[in-house]
C-alpha atoms as a PDB file:
ATOM      1  CA  MET A   1      31.210  11.818 -65.459  1.00  0.00           C
ATOM      2  CA  ALA A   2      29.040   8.754 -65.094  1.00  0.00           C
ATOM      3  CA  ALA A   3      26.267   8.658 -62.525  1.00  0.00           C
ATOM      4  CA  GLN A   4      27.678   5.278 -61.437  1.00  0.00           C
ATOM      5  CA  GLN A   5      30.969   6.939 -60.444  1.00  0.00           C
ATOM      6  CA  VAL A   6      29.129   9.532 -58.348  1.00  0.00           C
ATOM      7  CA  ARG A   7      27.030   6.794 -56.747  1.00  0.00           C
ATOM      8  CA  GLU A   8      30.177   4.816 -55.886  1.00  0.00           C
ATOM      9  CA  THR A   9      31.663   7.860 -54.141  1.00  0.00           C
ATOM     10  CA  ILE A  10      28.444   8.382 -52.173  1.00  0.00           C
ATOM     11  CA  ASP A  11      28.411   4.715 -51.141  1.00  0.00           C
ATOM     12  CA  ARG A  12      32.063   4.930 -50.085  1.00  0.00           C
ATOM     13  CA  TYR A  13      31.344   8.125 -48.131  1.00  0.00           C
ATOM     14  CA  ILE A  14      28.497   6.445 -46.215  1.00  0.00           C
ATOM     15  CA  ALA A  15      30.610   3.346 -45.540  1.00  0.00           C
ATOM     16  CA  LEU A  16      33.476   5.477 -44.218  1.00  0.00           C
ATOM     17  CA  MET A  17      31.150   7.518 -42.029  1.00  0.00           C
ATOM     18  CA  ALA A  18      30.422   4.204 -40.275  1.00  0.00           C
ATOM     19  CA  THR A  19      33.871   2.633 -40.284  1.00  0.00           C
ATOM     20  CA  GLY A  20      36.675   4.686 -41.707  1.00  0.00           C
ATOM     21  CA  PRO A  21      39.153   7.088 -40.243  1.00  0.00           C
ATOM     22  CA  ALA A  22      38.793  10.802 -40.948  1.00  0.00           C
ATOM     23  CA  SER A  23      41.820  10.680 -43.239  1.00  0.00           C
ATOM     24  CA  GLU A  24      40.056   8.277 -45.617  1.00  0.00           C
ATOM     25  CA  ILE A  25      36.897  10.380 -45.656  1.00  0.00           C
ATOM     26  CA  ALA A  26      38.999  13.463 -46.450  1.00  0.00           C
ATOM     27  CA  GLU A  27      40.626  11.581 -49.354  1.00  0.00           C
ATOM     28  CA  LEU A  28      37.232  11.527 -51.088  1.00  0.00           C
ATOM     29  CA  TYR A  29      37.521  15.310 -51.471  1.00  0.00           C
ATOM     30  CA  ALA A  30      39.386  17.191 -54.185  1.00  0.00           C
ATOM     31  CA  PRO A  31      42.316  19.328 -52.949  1.00  0.00           C
ATOM     32  CA  ASP A  32      40.365  22.572 -53.509  1.00  0.00           C
ATOM     33  CA  ALA A  33      37.069  21.281 -52.059  1.00  0.00           C
ATOM     34  CA  VAL A  34      34.777  23.383 -49.884  1.00  0.00           C
ATOM     35  CA  VAL A  35      32.569  21.958 -47.122  1.00  0.00           C
ATOM     36  CA  GLU A  36      29.723  23.747 -45.374  1.00  0.00           C
ATOM     37  CA  ASP A  37      28.575  21.451 -42.571  1.00  0.00           C
ATOM     38  CA  PRO A  38      26.005  22.344 -41.452  1.00  0.00           C
ATOM     39  CA  ILE A  39      24.760  24.773 -44.072  1.00  0.00           C
ATOM     40  CA  GLY A  40      25.322  28.329 -42.905  1.00  0.00           C
ATOM     41  CA  SER A  41      28.511  27.505 -40.987  1.00  0.00           C
ATOM     42  CA  ASP A  42      31.920  28.816 -42.000  1.00  0.00           C
ATOM     43  CA  PRO A  43      33.193  26.979 -45.091  1.00  0.00           C
ATOM     44  CA  ARG A  44      36.019  24.506 -44.485  1.00  0.00           C
ATOM     45  CA  ARG A  45      38.877  23.855 -46.892  1.00  0.00           C
ATOM     46  CA  GLY A  46      42.003  21.714 -46.885  1.00  0.00           C
ATOM     47  CA  ALA A  47      43.003  20.279 -43.493  1.00  0.00           C
ATOM     48  CA  ALA A  48      39.858  21.716 -41.904  1.00  0.00           C
ATOM     49  CA  ILE A  49      37.809  19.123 -43.820  1.00  0.00           C
ATOM     50  CA  GLU A  50      39.655  16.243 -42.183  1.00  0.00           C
ATOM     51  CA  GLU A  51      39.353  17.992 -38.806  1.00  0.00           C
ATOM     52  CA  LEU A  52      35.567  18.058 -39.259  1.00  0.00           C
ATOM     53  CA  TYR A  53      35.447  14.282 -39.604  1.00  0.00           C
ATOM     54  CA  ALA A  54      38.060  13.626 -36.894  1.00  0.00           C
ATOM     55  CA  ALA A  55      35.316  13.718 -34.252  1.00  0.00           C
ATOM     56  CA  LEU A  56      34.038  10.432 -35.702  1.00  0.00           C
ATOM     57  CA  ASP A  57      37.344   8.736 -34.889  1.00  0.00           C
ATOM     58  CA  GLN A  58      36.556   9.184 -31.177  1.00  0.00           C
ATOM     59  CA  MET A  59      33.239   7.356 -31.337  1.00  0.00           C
ATOM     60  CA  GLU A  60      32.971   3.885 -29.820  1.00  0.00           C
ATOM     61  CA  GLN A  61      30.296   2.717 -32.251  1.00  0.00           C
ATOM     62  CA  ARG A  62      29.083   4.147 -35.548  1.00  0.00           C
ATOM     63  CA  LYS A  63      26.399   3.199 -37.985  1.00  0.00           C
ATOM     64  CA  ALA A  64      25.411   5.074 -41.135  1.00  0.00           C
ATOM     65  CA  GLU A  65      22.423   4.328 -43.315  1.00  0.00           C
ATOM     66  CA  LEU A  66      21.748   5.795 -46.736  1.00  0.00           C
ATOM     67  CA  HIS A  67      18.011   6.294 -47.216  1.00  0.00           C
ATOM     68  CA  THR A  68      17.916   7.749 -50.725  1.00  0.00           C
ATOM     69  CA  ALA A  69      20.192   9.399 -53.266  1.00  0.00           C
ATOM     70  CA  ARG A  70      19.523  11.410 -56.388  1.00  0.00           C
ATOM     71  CA  VAL A  71      22.268  11.922 -58.959  1.00  0.00           C
ATOM     72  CA  ASN A  72      22.188  14.334 -61.892  1.00  0.00           C
ATOM     73  CA  GLY A  73      25.440  14.587 -63.822  1.00  0.00           C
ATOM     74  CA  SER A  74      28.174  15.781 -61.473  1.00  0.00           C
ATOM     75  CA  HIS A  75      25.692  16.697 -58.715  1.00  0.00           C
ATOM     76  CA  ALA A  76      23.985  14.607 -56.063  1.00  0.00           C
ATOM     77  CA  ALA A  77      21.743  14.985 -53.045  1.00  0.00           C
ATOM     78  CA  PHE A  78      21.258  12.221 -50.532  1.00  0.00           C
ATOM     79  CA  TRP A  79      19.583  11.641 -47.188  1.00  0.00           C
ATOM     80  CA  PHE A  80      21.261   9.522 -44.558  1.00  0.00           C
ATOM     81  CA  THR A  81      21.284   8.883 -40.827  1.00  0.00           C
ATOM     82  CA  LEU A  82      24.382   8.587 -38.667  1.00  0.00           C
ATOM     83  CA  VAL A  83      24.165   6.970 -35.230  1.00  0.00           C
ATOM     84  CA  THR A  84      27.181   7.103 -32.929  1.00  0.00           C
ATOM     85  CA  GLU A  85      27.892   6.012 -29.381  1.00  0.00           C
ATOM     86  CA  VAL A  86      30.382   7.530 -26.954  1.00  0.00           C
ATOM     87  CA  ASN A  87      30.627   7.839 -23.180  1.00  0.00           C
ATOM     88  CA  GLY A  88      27.361   6.001 -22.563  1.00  0.00           C
ATOM     89  CA  HIS A  89      25.303   8.142 -24.943  1.00  0.00           C
ATOM     90  CA  ARG A  90      23.872   7.691 -28.414  1.00  0.00           C
ATOM     91  CA  MET A  91      23.761  10.558 -30.879  1.00  0.00           C
ATOM     92  CA  THR A  92      21.546  10.428 -33.967  1.00  0.00           C
ATOM     93  CA  LEU A  93      21.985  12.829 -36.878  1.00  0.00           C
ATOM     94  CA  SER A  94      19.754  12.835 -39.942  1.00  0.00           C
ATOM     95  CA  ALA A  95      21.115  14.938 -42.799  1.00  0.00           C
ATOM     96  CA  ILE A  96      20.727  15.721 -46.453  1.00  0.00           C
ATOM     97  CA  ASP A  97      24.089  16.266 -48.125  1.00  0.00           C
ATOM     98  CA  VAL A  98      24.331  18.051 -51.457  1.00  0.00           C
ATOM     99  CA  MET A  99      27.570  17.423 -53.329  1.00  0.00           C
ATOM    100  CA  GLU A 100      29.277  18.352 -56.553  1.00  0.00           C
ATOM    101  CA  PHE A 101      31.940  16.093 -58.043  1.00  0.00           C
ATOM    102  CA  ASP A 102      34.905  16.563 -60.367  1.00  0.00           C
ATOM    103  CA  ASP A 103      35.682  14.368 -63.395  1.00  0.00           C
ATOM    104  CA  ALA A 104      37.675  11.974 -61.172  1.00  0.00           C
ATOM    105  CA  GLY A 105      34.657  11.428 -58.902  1.00  0.00           C
ATOM    106  CA  ARG A 106      36.116  13.462 -56.026  1.00  0.00           C
ATOM    107  CA  ILE A 107      33.894  15.780 -54.021  1.00  0.00           C
ATOM    108  CA  VAL A 108      34.507  19.458 -54.823  1.00  0.00           C
ATOM    109  CA  SER A 109      31.621  20.890 -52.826  1.00  0.00           C
ATOM    110  CA  MET A 110      29.537  19.553 -49.951  1.00  0.00           C
ATOM    111  CA  ARG A 111      26.720  21.334 -48.158  1.00  0.00           C
ATOM    112  CA  ALA A 112      25.092  19.452 -45.301  1.00  0.00           C
ATOM    113  CA  TYR A 113      21.499  20.281 -44.458  1.00  0.00           C
ATOM    114  CA  TRP A 114      20.718  19.451 -40.841  1.00  0.00           C
ATOM    115  CA  ASP A 115      19.570  21.450 -37.854  1.00  0.00           C
ATOM    116  CA  PRO A 116      21.800  21.224 -34.752  1.00  0.00           C
ATOM    117  CA  ALA A 117      18.610  21.555 -32.679  1.00  0.00           C
ATOM    118  CA  GLU A 118      17.431  18.262 -34.147  1.00  0.00           C
ATOM    119  CA  LEU A 119      20.429  16.221 -32.989  1.00  0.00           C
ATOM    120  CA  ARG A 120      19.197  13.530 -30.644  1.00  0.00           C
ATOM    121  CA  PHE A 121      21.284  12.596 -27.581  1.00  0.00           C
ATOM    122  CA  GLU A 122      20.086   9.679 -25.505  1.00  0.00           C
ATOM    123  CA  PRO A 123      21.646   7.674 -22.701  1.00  0.00           C
ATOM    124  CA  LEU A 124      22.335   4.042 -23.627  1.00  0.00           C
END
């Protein structure tokens, strides 16, 4: 697999975190994918992956920014920030996601490194 293909999937993932419905984010994953978000939580598979992202569909505003990405073969790690707004509050999440990809460029494994205690909630 080409590093460019992995990079394109990462870029699409970040774009969809800001704009797309949960169903399109879930389509980036292989059918047998496993997600641990945040790291240490119960692994999610199948429909549970889309359910994880469904919370984003309820947000009034979203913005995602990719700060850096490192790709090595079928593996990547990247740092990004997600800012959402809902019910008069802003939530900011900064995470490092570590992913593995299949030959088609779909995500087969994702582990998100972020501390729930570091989520920032602020009134608008």
